[in-house]
Amino acid sequence: TSTTKTTTPVTTSPSTTPLCIKEECHWSMWYDASYPESGYNDGDFDTVENIRKKGFKVCDNRKAIECRAVRFPNTPYQLLEQHITCTAQEGLICYNKDQLPPICYNYEVRFKCCANVTTPCETPTVPHTTTKTIETQTTTSQTPPIITKHVTTATSKPPSTEHIHSKTTTQTTTHTSITATSSETTSQTYTTSVPTPTPT
């Protein structure tokens, strides 16, 4: 009989969760604060300054900008073959004098605004660890095998000179019994001689 003890760690969460500062971003609405005039020095100017003059609130922490033509919302402005300036810091600037034909499309812009927020940390502090003990009991039973071996030996004796027509045969039977256990082996041998007469 053997008994095995297995120890399994059990992890528990800490009572308080630490907080971390994480940056979260979102895209703003589309702004269209200008419409292009036909003059040579005119154009379309959807700048941050003009957007705010129209009464819209533009975030200060701008990470990116998207510009598109109102008539072609699914076409990237780079494929429209117009020379414009599109930056998150300033906004969109398009001059008629830089285009061929000399007029800008009506554009609109939107900004990617980011802010720092406080959220629970993804990596918690070192957790508390306790142990759980599981006992298992195993019983093993083994029966020793018994091996019996029979050995028969026949011995033939030549006839003597006095009895020419007589022959004597001695048969020897050996019984060997072997009992095997887990710690020792016992061997016993029995020998029996049985004379077998042979008629003359």
N, C-alpha and C. Protein backbone atom coordinates (compact mmCIF):
# COMPACT_ATOMS: atom_id res chain seq x y z
N THR A 1 0.85 -1.20 0.00
CA THR A 1 0.00 0.00 0.00
C THR A 1 0.88 1.24 0.00
N SER A 2 0.62 2.15 -0.94
CA SER A 2 1.42 3.38 -1.02
C SER A 2 0.49 4.58 -1.03
N THR A 3 0.92 5.68 -0.40
CA THR A 3 0.14 6.91 -0.33
C THR A 3 0.93 8.03 -0.97
N THR A 4 0.31 8.75 -1.91
CA THR A 4 0.97 9.83 -2.64
C THR A 4 0.28 11.14 -2.32
N LYS A 5 1.04 12.18 -2.02
CA LYS A 5 0.52 13.52 -1.76
C LYS A 5 0.92 14.44 -2.90
N THR A 6 -0.07 15.07 -3.53
CA THR A 6 0.17 16.00 -4.65
C THR A 6 -0.17 17.41 -4.20
N THR A 7 0.73 18.34 -4.43
CA THR A 7 0.53 19.74 -4.05
C THR A 7 0.24 20.56 -5.30
N THR A 8 -0.93 21.22 -5.36
CA THR A 8 -1.35 22.03 -6.50
C THR A 8 -1.46 23.48 -6.07
N PRO A 9 -0.79 24.44 -6.79
CA PRO A 9 -0.90 25.85 -6.41
C PRO A 9 -2.27 26.41 -6.77
N VAL A 10 -2.84 27.20 -5.89
CA VAL A 10 -4.11 27.87 -6.12
C VAL A 10 -3.86 29.37 -6.06
N THR A 11 -4.18 30.06 -7.13
CA THR A 11 -3.90 31.48 -7.25
C THR A 11 -5.14 32.29 -6.95
N THR A 12 -5.00 33.29 -6.09
CA THR A 12 -6.11 34.17 -5.76
C THR A 12 -5.77 35.58 -6.20
N SER A 13 -6.76 36.33 -6.61
CA SER A 13 -6.56 37.69 -7.08
C SER A 13 -6.31 38.62 -5.89
N PRO A 14 -5.51 39.64 -6.08
CA PRO A 14 -5.30 40.60 -5.00
C PRO A 14 -6.57 41.37 -4.71
N SER A 15 -6.64 41.93 -3.54
CA SER A 15 -7.85 42.62 -3.12
C SER A 15 -8.07 43.92 -3.90
N THR A 16 -7.00 44.58 -4.31
CA THR A 16 -7.12 45.84 -5.04
C THR A 16 -6.49 45.69 -6.41
N THR A 17 -7.06 46.35 -7.41
CA THR A 17 -6.55 46.31 -8.78
C THR A 17 -5.84 47.62 -9.10
N PRO A 18 -4.58 47.57 -9.52
CA PRO A 18 -3.86 48.82 -9.84
C PRO A 18 -4.42 49.45 -11.10
N LEU A 19 -4.27 50.75 -11.20
CA LEU A 19 -4.77 51.52 -12.34
C LEU A 19 -3.61 52.01 -13.19
N CYS A 20 -3.84 52.07 -14.49
CA CYS A 20 -2.82 52.53 -15.43
C CYS A 20 -3.43 53.59 -16.35
N ILE A 21 -2.58 54.43 -16.90
CA ILE A 21 -3.00 55.46 -17.85
C ILE A 21 -2.83 54.92 -19.26
N LYS A 22 -3.92 54.92 -20.04
CA LYS A 22 -3.92 54.37 -21.38
C LYS A 22 -4.46 55.41 -22.36
N GLU A 23 -3.88 55.47 -23.54
CA GLU A 23 -4.33 56.40 -24.57
C GLU A 23 -5.42 55.77 -25.42
N GLU A 24 -6.56 56.45 -25.52
CA GLU A 24 -7.67 56.00 -26.35
C GLU A 24 -7.94 57.04 -27.43
N CYS A 25 -8.23 56.54 -28.66
CA CYS A 25 -8.42 57.43 -29.80
C CYS A 25 -9.75 57.14 -30.49
N HIS A 26 -10.29 58.16 -31.17
CA HIS A 26 -11.51 58.02 -31.96
C HIS A 26 -11.48 59.05 -33.08
N TRP A 27 -12.27 58.78 -34.12
CA TRP A 27 -12.36 59.70 -35.25
C TRP A 27 -13.51 60.68 -35.01
N SER A 28 -13.27 61.92 -35.38
CA SER A 28 -14.28 62.97 -35.22
C SER A 28 -15.28 62.92 -36.39
N MET A 29 -16.21 63.82 -36.38
CA MET A 29 -17.14 63.98 -37.49
C MET A 29 -16.41 64.59 -38.69
N TRP A 30 -17.07 64.60 -39.85
CA TRP A 30 -16.50 65.24 -41.02
C TRP A 30 -16.82 66.74 -40.98
N TYR A 31 -15.80 67.56 -41.22
CA TYR A 31 -15.96 69.02 -41.21
C TYR A 31 -15.84 69.56 -42.64
N ASP A 32 -16.77 70.46 -43.01
CA ASP A 32 -16.70 71.16 -44.30
C ASP A 32 -16.93 72.64 -44.01
N ALA A 33 -15.84 73.36 -43.75
CA ALA A 33 -15.94 74.76 -43.31
C ALA A 33 -15.69 75.75 -44.43
N SER A 34 -15.48 75.29 -45.68
CA SER A 34 -15.16 76.22 -46.77
C SER A 34 -15.67 75.65 -48.08
N TYR A 35 -16.04 76.58 -48.98
CA TYR A 35 -16.44 76.18 -50.34
C TYR A 35 -15.56 76.95 -51.32
N PRO A 36 -14.98 76.25 -52.33
CA PRO A 36 -14.02 76.94 -53.20
C PRO A 36 -14.67 78.00 -54.09
N GLU A 37 -14.02 79.19 -54.12
CA GLU A 37 -14.43 80.26 -55.04
C GLU A 37 -13.70 80.07 -56.38
N SER A 38 -14.13 80.82 -57.38
CA SER A 38 -13.59 80.64 -58.73
C SER A 38 -12.36 81.50 -59.00
N GLY A 39 -11.95 82.37 -58.07
CA GLY A 39 -10.80 83.22 -58.30
C GLY A 39 -9.50 82.45 -58.38
N TYR A 40 -8.53 83.08 -59.05
CA TYR A 40 -7.24 82.42 -59.25
C TYR A 40 -6.55 82.14 -57.92
N ASN A 41 -6.62 83.05 -56.99
CA ASN A 41 -5.97 82.88 -55.68
C ASN A 41 -6.92 82.29 -54.63
N ASP A 42 -8.14 81.96 -55.07
CA ASP A 42 -9.08 81.34 -54.13
C ASP A 42 -8.84 79.83 -54.08
N GLY A 43 -9.71 79.17 -53.36
CA GLY A 43 -9.61 77.70 -53.25
C GLY A 43 -10.49 77.18 -52.13
N ASP A 44 -10.15 76.03 -51.62
CA ASP A 44 -10.90 75.41 -50.51
C ASP A 44 -9.97 75.34 -49.31
N PHE A 45 -10.43 75.90 -48.17
CA PHE A 45 -9.56 76.00 -46.98
C PHE A 45 -10.32 75.47 -45.77
N ASP A 46 -10.22 74.16 -45.55
CA ASP A 46 -10.83 73.53 -44.36
C ASP A 46 -9.74 73.38 -43.30
N THR A 47 -9.26 74.51 -42.83
CA THR A 47 -8.23 74.51 -41.81
C THR A 47 -8.86 74.41 -40.42
N VAL A 48 -8.01 74.08 -39.43
CA VAL A 48 -8.50 74.00 -38.04
C VAL A 48 -9.04 75.35 -37.60
N GLU A 49 -8.38 76.41 -38.01
CA GLU A 49 -8.84 77.76 -37.64
C GLU A 49 -10.21 78.06 -38.24
N ASN A 50 -10.41 77.77 -39.51
CA ASN A 50 -11.71 78.04 -40.13
C ASN A 50 -12.82 77.16 -39.58
N ILE A 51 -12.47 75.92 -39.24
CA ILE A 51 -13.48 75.02 -38.66
C ILE A 51 -13.95 75.56 -37.31
N ARG A 52 -13.02 76.03 -36.50
CA ARG A 52 -13.39 76.59 -35.20
C ARG A 52 -14.18 77.90 -35.36
N LYS A 53 -13.87 78.68 -36.40
CA LYS A 53 -14.63 79.90 -36.64
C LYS A 53 -16.08 79.60 -37.00
N LYS A 54 -16.31 78.43 -37.59
CA LYS A 54 -17.68 78.02 -37.93
C LYS A 54 -18.45 77.52 -36.71
N GLY A 55 -17.80 77.50 -35.56
CA GLY A 55 -18.46 77.08 -34.33
C GLY A 55 -18.26 75.63 -33.95
N PHE A 56 -17.42 74.91 -34.67
CA PHE A 56 -17.15 73.51 -34.35
C PHE A 56 -15.99 73.41 -33.36
N LYS A 57 -16.04 72.39 -32.56
CA LYS A 57 -14.98 72.15 -31.59
C LYS A 57 -14.04 71.08 -32.15
N VAL A 58 -12.78 71.44 -32.25
CA VAL A 58 -11.77 70.52 -32.76
C VAL A 58 -10.83 70.15 -31.61
N CYS A 59 -10.53 68.87 -31.47
CA CYS A 59 -9.68 68.41 -30.37
C CYS A 59 -8.26 68.94 -30.55
N ASP A 60 -7.56 69.06 -29.43
CA ASP A 60 -6.18 69.55 -29.46
C ASP A 60 -5.18 68.44 -29.77
N ASN A 61 -5.42 67.25 -29.23
CA ASN A 61 -4.47 66.14 -29.43
C ASN A 61 -4.90 65.36 -30.68
N ARG A 62 -4.47 65.84 -31.85
CA ARG A 62 -4.84 65.22 -33.12
C ARG A 62 -3.68 64.35 -33.62
N LYS A 63 -3.96 63.05 -33.78
CA LYS A 63 -2.93 62.10 -34.20
C LYS A 63 -2.90 61.88 -35.71
N ALA A 64 -4.04 62.08 -36.39
CA ALA A 64 -4.10 61.84 -37.83
C ALA A 64 -5.25 62.63 -38.43
N ILE A 65 -5.29 62.69 -39.76
CA ILE A 65 -6.34 63.41 -40.49
C ILE A 65 -6.70 62.62 -41.74
N GLU A 66 -7.96 62.73 -42.14
CA GLU A 66 -8.42 62.15 -43.40
C GLU A 66 -9.09 63.26 -44.20
N CYS A 67 -8.73 63.36 -45.48
CA CYS A 67 -9.29 64.36 -46.39
C CYS A 67 -9.94 63.64 -47.57
N ARG A 68 -11.09 64.14 -47.99
CA ARG A 68 -11.76 63.55 -49.14
C ARG A 68 -12.61 64.61 -49.84
N ALA A 69 -12.85 64.40 -51.13
CA ALA A 69 -13.72 65.30 -51.89
C ALA A 69 -15.17 64.92 -51.64
N VAL A 70 -16.02 65.94 -51.48
CA VAL A 70 -17.43 65.67 -51.18
C VAL A 70 -18.09 64.92 -52.34
N ARG A 71 -17.71 65.21 -53.56
CA ARG A 71 -18.29 64.54 -54.72
C ARG A 71 -17.76 63.13 -54.91
N PHE A 72 -16.59 62.85 -54.38
CA PHE A 72 -15.97 61.51 -54.53
C PHE A 72 -15.54 60.99 -53.15
N PRO A 73 -16.50 60.64 -52.32
CA PRO A 73 -16.14 60.25 -50.94
C PRO A 73 -15.38 58.93 -50.85
N ASN A 74 -15.53 58.05 -51.84
CA ASN A 74 -14.86 56.74 -51.79
C ASN A 74 -13.55 56.71 -52.57
N THR A 75 -13.13 57.85 -53.09
CA THR A 75 -11.88 57.91 -53.85
C THR A 75 -10.81 58.64 -53.04
N PRO A 76 -9.66 58.03 -52.79
CA PRO A 76 -8.58 58.75 -52.09
C PRO A 76 -8.20 60.02 -52.84
N TYR A 77 -7.97 61.08 -52.08
CA TYR A 77 -7.69 62.36 -52.74
C TYR A 77 -6.41 62.32 -53.57
N GLN A 78 -5.50 61.41 -53.26
CA GLN A 78 -4.27 61.32 -54.05
C GLN A 78 -4.55 60.92 -55.49
N LEU A 79 -5.70 60.23 -55.73
CA LEU A 79 -6.03 59.79 -57.08
C LEU A 79 -6.80 60.84 -57.87
N LEU A 80 -7.13 61.95 -57.23
CA LEU A 80 -7.88 63.00 -57.93
C LEU A 80 -6.98 63.95 -58.70
N GLU A 81 -5.69 63.79 -58.56
CA GLU A 81 -4.69 64.59 -59.31
C GLU A 81 -4.82 66.08 -59.01
N GLN A 82 -5.07 66.38 -57.72
CA GLN A 82 -5.06 67.78 -57.29
C GLN A 82 -3.99 67.96 -56.22
N HIS A 83 -3.37 69.10 -56.24
CA HIS A 83 -2.28 69.39 -55.31
C HIS A 83 -2.87 70.10 -54.09
N ILE A 84 -2.93 69.39 -52.98
CA ILE A 84 -3.49 69.96 -51.76
C ILE A 84 -2.54 69.66 -50.60
N THR A 85 -2.78 70.36 -49.51
CA THR A 85 -2.07 70.10 -48.26
C THR A 85 -3.06 69.54 -47.25
N CYS A 86 -2.74 68.37 -46.68
CA CYS A 86 -3.65 67.69 -45.73
C CYS A 86 -2.83 67.22 -44.54
N THR A 87 -2.84 67.99 -43.45
CA THR A 87 -2.06 67.67 -42.25
C THR A 87 -2.95 67.77 -41.01
N ALA A 88 -2.63 66.96 -40.00
CA ALA A 88 -3.41 66.96 -38.76
C ALA A 88 -3.20 68.26 -37.98
N GLN A 89 -2.06 68.89 -38.12
CA GLN A 89 -1.78 70.12 -37.37
C GLN A 89 -2.53 71.32 -37.96
N GLU A 90 -2.61 71.39 -39.28
CA GLU A 90 -3.17 72.59 -39.91
C GLU A 90 -4.54 72.37 -40.54
N GLY A 91 -4.77 71.18 -41.08
CA GLY A 91 -6.01 70.92 -41.79
C GLY A 91 -5.77 70.81 -43.28
N LEU A 92 -6.80 71.20 -44.11
CA LEU A 92 -6.70 71.08 -45.56
C LEU A 92 -6.58 72.46 -46.20
N ILE A 93 -5.68 72.57 -47.18
CA ILE A 93 -5.49 73.80 -47.94
C ILE A 93 -5.40 73.42 -49.42
N CYS A 94 -6.24 74.07 -50.26
CA CYS A 94 -6.24 73.82 -51.69
C CYS A 94 -6.35 75.17 -52.42
N TYR A 95 -5.39 75.48 -53.29
CA TYR A 95 -5.40 76.71 -54.09
C TYR A 95 -5.79 76.37 -55.53
N ASN A 96 -6.67 77.24 -56.08
CA ASN A 96 -7.07 77.04 -57.48
C ASN A 96 -5.88 77.16 -58.43
N LYS A 97 -4.95 78.01 -58.13
CA LYS A 97 -3.81 78.25 -59.02
C LYS A 97 -2.89 77.04 -59.14
N ASP A 98 -3.02 76.08 -58.19
CA ASP A 98 -2.18 74.87 -58.23
C ASP A 98 -2.85 73.72 -58.97
N GLN A 99 -4.06 73.96 -59.52
CA GLN A 99 -4.81 72.87 -60.13
C GLN A 99 -4.92 73.08 -61.65
N LEU A 100 -5.25 71.99 -62.34
CA LEU A 100 -5.48 72.01 -63.77
C LEU A 100 -6.62 71.02 -64.08
N PRO A 101 -7.81 71.52 -64.41
CA PRO A 101 -8.22 72.94 -64.58
C PRO A 101 -8.12 73.71 -63.28
N PRO A 102 -8.02 75.04 -63.37
CA PRO A 102 -7.70 75.86 -62.18
C PRO A 102 -8.88 76.05 -61.24
N ILE A 103 -9.31 74.98 -60.60
CA ILE A 103 -10.33 75.09 -59.56
C ILE A 103 -10.23 73.87 -58.66
N CYS A 104 -10.43 74.06 -57.36
CA CYS A 104 -10.36 72.97 -56.38
C CYS A 104 -11.72 72.30 -56.24
N TYR A 105 -11.68 71.04 -55.88
CA TYR A 105 -12.91 70.37 -55.47
C TYR A 105 -13.29 70.87 -54.08
N ASN A 106 -14.54 70.64 -53.73
CA ASN A 106 -14.96 70.94 -52.36
C ASN A 106 -14.59 69.76 -51.48
N TYR A 107 -13.73 70.00 -50.50
CA TYR A 107 -13.22 68.93 -49.64
C TYR A 107 -13.84 69.01 -48.25
N GLU A 108 -13.69 67.90 -47.51
CA GLU A 108 -14.05 67.85 -46.09
C GLU A 108 -13.00 67.02 -45.37
N VAL A 109 -12.89 67.25 -44.07
CA VAL A 109 -11.82 66.60 -43.29
C VAL A 109 -12.40 66.06 -41.99
N ARG A 110 -11.65 65.13 -41.41
CA ARG A 110 -11.94 64.66 -40.05
C ARG A 110 -10.62 64.31 -39.39
N PHE A 111 -10.61 64.34 -38.04
CA PHE A 111 -9.38 64.16 -37.27
C PHE A 111 -9.49 62.95 -36.35
N LYS A 112 -8.35 62.35 -36.10
CA LYS A 112 -8.25 61.27 -35.12
C LYS A 112 -7.82 61.89 -33.79
N CYS A 113 -8.75 61.94 -32.84
CA CYS A 113 -8.49 62.58 -31.55
C CYS A 113 -8.14 61.52 -30.51
N CYS A 114 -7.14 61.80 -29.71
CA CYS A 114 -6.68 60.86 -28.68
C CYS A 114 -6.65 61.56 -27.33
N ALA A 115 -6.89 60.78 -26.28
CA ALA A 115 -6.88 61.30 -24.91
C ALA A 115 -6.40 60.20 -23.98
N ASN A 116 -5.82 60.61 -22.86
CA ASN A 116 -5.35 59.68 -21.85
C ASN A 116 -6.47 59.39 -20.85
N VAL A 117 -6.74 58.09 -20.64
CA VAL A 117 -7.78 57.67 -19.69
C VAL A 117 -7.16 56.70 -18.69
N THR A 118 -7.78 56.59 -17.53
CA THR A 118 -7.30 55.69 -16.47
C THR A 118 -8.11 54.40 -16.52
N THR A 119 -7.42 53.28 -16.69
CA THR A 119 -8.06 51.97 -16.78
C THR A 119 -7.31 50.97 -15.89
N PRO A 120 -7.93 49.85 -15.53
CA PRO A 120 -7.19 48.81 -14.78
C PRO A 120 -6.03 48.27 -15.60
N CYS A 121 -4.93 48.05 -14.92
CA CYS A 121 -3.74 47.55 -15.60
C CYS A 121 -3.97 46.14 -16.11
N GLU A 122 -3.40 45.85 -17.27
CA GLU A 122 -3.52 44.51 -17.83
C GLU A 122 -2.64 43.51 -17.10
N THR A 123 -1.51 43.95 -16.56
CA THR A 123 -0.62 43.07 -15.83
C THR A 123 -0.76 43.36 -14.35
N PRO A 124 -1.44 42.49 -13.57
CA PRO A 124 -1.63 42.75 -12.14
C PRO A 124 -0.35 42.51 -11.37
N THR A 125 -0.39 42.88 -10.08
CA THR A 125 0.76 42.64 -9.20
C THR A 125 0.89 41.16 -8.94
N VAL A 126 1.97 40.77 -8.23
CA VAL A 126 2.25 39.37 -7.97
C VAL A 126 1.12 38.79 -7.13
N PRO A 127 0.43 37.75 -7.59
CA PRO A 127 -0.72 37.20 -6.84
C PRO A 127 -0.25 36.40 -5.63
N HIS A 128 -1.20 36.23 -4.67
CA HIS A 128 -0.94 35.40 -3.51
C HIS A 128 -1.17 33.95 -3.89
N THR A 129 -0.29 33.08 -3.42
CA THR A 129 -0.37 31.67 -3.78
C THR A 129 -0.49 30.82 -2.54
N THR A 130 -1.49 29.96 -2.51
CA THR A 130 -1.66 28.98 -1.43
C THR A 130 -1.55 27.59 -2.03
N THR A 131 -1.46 26.58 -1.17
CA THR A 131 -1.29 25.21 -1.65
C THR A 131 -2.50 24.37 -1.26
N LYS A 132 -2.82 23.44 -2.09
CA LYS A 132 -3.93 22.51 -1.87
C LYS A 132 -3.37 21.11 -1.97
N THR A 133 -3.58 20.27 -0.94
CA THR A 133 -3.02 18.94 -0.87
C THR A 133 -4.07 17.91 -1.23
N ILE A 134 -3.73 17.03 -2.14
CA ILE A 134 -4.62 15.96 -2.57
C ILE A 134 -3.93 14.65 -2.25
N GLU A 135 -4.60 13.77 -1.45
CA GLU A 135 -4.03 12.49 -1.08
C GLU A 135 -4.66 11.39 -1.92
N THR A 136 -3.83 10.54 -2.48
CA THR A 136 -4.30 9.38 -3.23
C THR A 136 -3.68 8.14 -2.64
N GLN A 137 -4.47 7.08 -2.49
CA GLN A 137 -4.01 5.84 -1.87
C GLN A 137 -4.10 4.73 -2.89
N THR A 138 -3.01 3.98 -3.04
CA THR A 138 -2.94 2.90 -4.02
C THR A 138 -2.56 1.61 -3.31
N THR A 139 -3.33 0.54 -3.51
CA THR A 139 -3.09 -0.77 -2.90
C THR A 139 -2.70 -1.74 -3.99
N THR A 140 -1.57 -2.41 -3.80
CA THR A 140 -1.08 -3.35 -4.80
C THR A 140 -0.96 -4.74 -4.16
N SER A 141 -1.58 -5.73 -4.76
CA SER A 141 -1.54 -7.10 -4.27
C SER A 141 -0.88 -7.97 -5.32
N GLN A 142 0.06 -8.80 -4.87
CA GLN A 142 0.81 -9.65 -5.80
C GLN A 142 0.90 -11.06 -5.24
N THR A 143 0.49 -12.04 -6.03
CA THR A 143 0.56 -13.45 -5.63
C THR A 143 1.79 -14.07 -6.27
N PRO A 144 2.70 -14.64 -5.43
CA PRO A 144 3.93 -15.21 -6.02
C PRO A 144 3.61 -16.42 -6.88
N PRO A 145 4.24 -16.56 -8.01
CA PRO A 145 4.00 -17.73 -8.86
C PRO A 145 4.68 -18.98 -8.33
N ILE A 146 4.09 -20.13 -8.61
CA ILE A 146 4.64 -21.43 -8.21
C ILE A 146 5.01 -22.17 -9.48
N ILE A 147 6.26 -22.59 -9.56
CA ILE A 147 6.76 -23.27 -10.75
C ILE A 147 7.17 -24.69 -10.35
N THR A 148 6.62 -25.67 -11.02
CA THR A 148 6.93 -27.08 -10.74
C THR A 148 7.58 -27.68 -11.98
N LYS A 149 8.70 -28.33 -11.79
CA LYS A 149 9.44 -28.89 -12.91
C LYS A 149 9.70 -30.37 -12.63
N HIS A 150 9.33 -31.21 -13.58
CA HIS A 150 9.55 -32.65 -13.48
C HIS A 150 10.65 -33.05 -14.44
N VAL A 151 11.65 -33.75 -13.91
CA VAL A 151 12.78 -34.21 -14.73
C VAL A 151 12.88 -35.71 -14.59
N THR A 152 12.85 -36.41 -15.68
CA THR A 152 12.97 -37.88 -15.69
C THR A 152 14.27 -38.26 -16.37
N THR A 153 15.07 -39.08 -15.65
CA THR A 153 16.39 -39.51 -16.16
C THR A 153 16.41 -41.03 -16.25
N ALA A 154 16.72 -41.53 -17.38
CA ALA A 154 16.81 -42.99 -17.57
C ALA A 154 18.28 -43.37 -17.69
N THR A 155 18.66 -44.40 -16.90
CA THR A 155 20.05 -44.88 -16.90
C THR A 155 20.06 -46.36 -17.32
N SER A 156 20.87 -46.63 -18.26
CA SER A 156 20.97 -48.02 -18.76
C SER A 156 22.27 -48.62 -18.26
N LYS A 157 22.19 -49.84 -17.70
CA LYS A 157 23.35 -50.53 -17.14
C LYS A 157 23.72 -51.69 -18.06
N PRO A 158 24.93 -51.76 -18.50
CA PRO A 158 25.33 -52.88 -19.38
C PRO A 158 25.25 -54.21 -18.63
N PRO A 159 24.98 -55.26 -19.32
CA PRO A 159 24.92 -56.59 -18.66
C PRO A 159 26.29 -57.03 -18.17
N SER A 160 26.28 -57.82 -17.07
CA SER A 160 27.55 -58.35 -16.52
C SER A 160 27.91 -59.63 -17.24
N THR A 161 29.09 -60.07 -16.95
CA THR A 161 29.58 -61.29 -17.60
C THR A 161 28.92 -62.53 -17.05
N GLU A 162 28.40 -62.46 -15.82
CA GLU A 162 27.80 -63.63 -15.22
C GLU A 162 26.41 -63.89 -15.79
N HIS A 163 25.67 -62.87 -16.11
CA HIS A 163 24.33 -63.03 -16.65
C HIS A 163 24.31 -62.45 -18.03
N ILE A 164 24.59 -63.27 -19.00
CA ILE A 164 24.72 -62.79 -20.36
C ILE A 164 23.38 -62.41 -20.92
N HIS A 165 22.29 -63.17 -20.58
CA HIS A 165 21.00 -62.93 -21.18
C HIS A 165 20.10 -62.07 -20.32
N SER A 166 20.65 -61.42 -19.32
CA SER A 166 19.81 -60.54 -18.47
C SER A 166 20.26 -59.09 -18.62
N LYS A 167 19.33 -58.22 -18.51
CA LYS A 167 19.61 -56.77 -18.66
C LYS A 167 18.81 -56.00 -17.62
N THR A 168 19.46 -55.10 -16.90
CA THR A 168 18.81 -54.34 -15.82
C THR A 168 18.78 -52.86 -16.20
N THR A 169 17.62 -52.30 -16.09
CA THR A 169 17.48 -50.85 -16.39
C THR A 169 16.98 -50.14 -15.15
N THR A 170 17.67 -49.10 -14.77
CA THR A 170 17.29 -48.31 -13.59
C THR A 170 16.72 -46.99 -14.07
N GLN A 171 15.52 -46.70 -13.64
CA GLN A 171 14.86 -45.43 -14.03
C GLN A 171 14.84 -44.50 -12.82
N THR A 172 15.33 -43.32 -13.04
CA THR A 172 15.40 -42.31 -11.98
C THR A 172 14.46 -41.17 -12.33
N THR A 173 13.56 -40.87 -11.44
CA THR A 173 12.62 -39.77 -11.64
C THR A 173 12.92 -38.66 -10.64
N THR A 174 13.12 -37.52 -11.15
CA THR A 174 13.46 -36.36 -10.31
C THR A 174 12.32 -35.37 -10.36
N HIS A 175 11.82 -35.00 -9.20
CA HIS A 175 10.76 -34.00 -9.09
C HIS A 175 11.36 -32.75 -8.46
N THR A 176 11.25 -31.69 -9.15
CA THR A 176 11.79 -30.41 -8.65
C THR A 176 10.64 -29.44 -8.47
N SER A 177 10.49 -28.95 -7.29
CA SER A 177 9.43 -27.97 -7.00
C SER A 177 10.07 -26.66 -6.60
N ILE A 178 9.74 -25.63 -7.33
CA ILE A 178 10.32 -24.30 -7.09
C ILE A 178 9.20 -23.35 -6.74
N THR A 179 9.28 -22.77 -5.61
CA THR A 179 8.30 -21.76 -5.16
C THR A 179 8.99 -20.40 -5.15
N ALA A 180 8.48 -19.46 -5.99
CA ALA A 180 9.11 -18.13 -6.13
C ALA A 180 8.28 -17.12 -5.36
N THR A 181 8.92 -16.39 -4.51
CA THR A 181 8.28 -15.28 -3.79
C THR A 181 9.03 -14.02 -4.13
N SER A 182 8.58 -12.92 -3.54
CA SER A 182 9.22 -11.63 -3.83
C SER A 182 10.58 -11.51 -3.19
N SER A 183 10.92 -12.41 -2.15
CA SER A 183 12.20 -12.22 -1.44
C SER A 183 13.08 -13.45 -1.47
N GLU A 184 12.55 -14.68 -1.64
CA GLU A 184 13.40 -15.86 -1.58
C GLU A 184 12.86 -16.94 -2.50
N THR A 185 13.71 -17.96 -2.83
CA THR A 185 13.35 -19.08 -3.69
C THR A 185 13.78 -20.37 -2.99
N THR A 186 12.85 -21.34 -2.87
CA THR A 186 13.12 -22.62 -2.18
C THR A 186 13.07 -23.74 -3.21
N SER A 187 14.06 -24.58 -3.24
CA SER A 187 14.14 -25.68 -4.21
C SER A 187 14.30 -26.99 -3.44
N GLN A 188 13.44 -27.95 -3.72
CA GLN A 188 13.51 -29.28 -3.11
C GLN A 188 13.54 -30.32 -4.23
N THR A 189 14.40 -31.33 -4.07
CA THR A 189 14.57 -32.37 -5.09
C THR A 189 14.33 -33.73 -4.46
N TYR A 190 13.47 -34.55 -5.08
CA TYR A 190 13.19 -35.91 -4.63
C TYR A 190 13.63 -36.88 -5.71
N THR A 191 14.38 -37.91 -5.34
CA THR A 191 14.90 -38.90 -6.29
C THR A 191 14.39 -40.28 -5.89
N THR A 192 13.77 -40.96 -6.82
CA THR A 192 13.21 -42.30 -6.58
C THR A 192 13.79 -43.25 -7.63
N SER A 193 14.36 -44.33 -7.16
CA SER A 193 14.94 -45.34 -8.06
C SER A 193 13.99 -46.54 -8.12
N VAL A 194 13.56 -46.86 -9.29
CA VAL A 194 12.65 -48.01 -9.49
C VAL A 194 13.30 -48.99 -10.44
N PRO A 195 13.69 -50.17 -9.97
CA PRO A 195 14.32 -51.17 -10.86
C PRO A 195 13.27 -51.76 -11.77
N THR A 196 13.67 -51.94 -12.99
CA THR A 196 12.77 -52.53 -13.99
C THR A 196 13.40 -53.83 -14.44
N PRO A 197 12.81 -54.95 -14.04
CA PRO A 197 13.40 -56.27 -14.47
C PRO A 197 13.17 -56.53 -15.94
N THR A 198 14.12 -57.16 -16.53
CA THR A 198 14.03 -57.54 -17.96
C THR A 198 14.11 -59.05 -18.05
N PRO A 199 13.14 -59.67 -18.65
CA PRO A 199 13.20 -61.16 -18.72
C PRO A 199 14.40 -61.65 -19.53
N THR A 200 14.88 -62.79 -19.13
CA THR A 200 16.03 -63.40 -19.80
C THR A 200 15.62 -63.94 -21.16
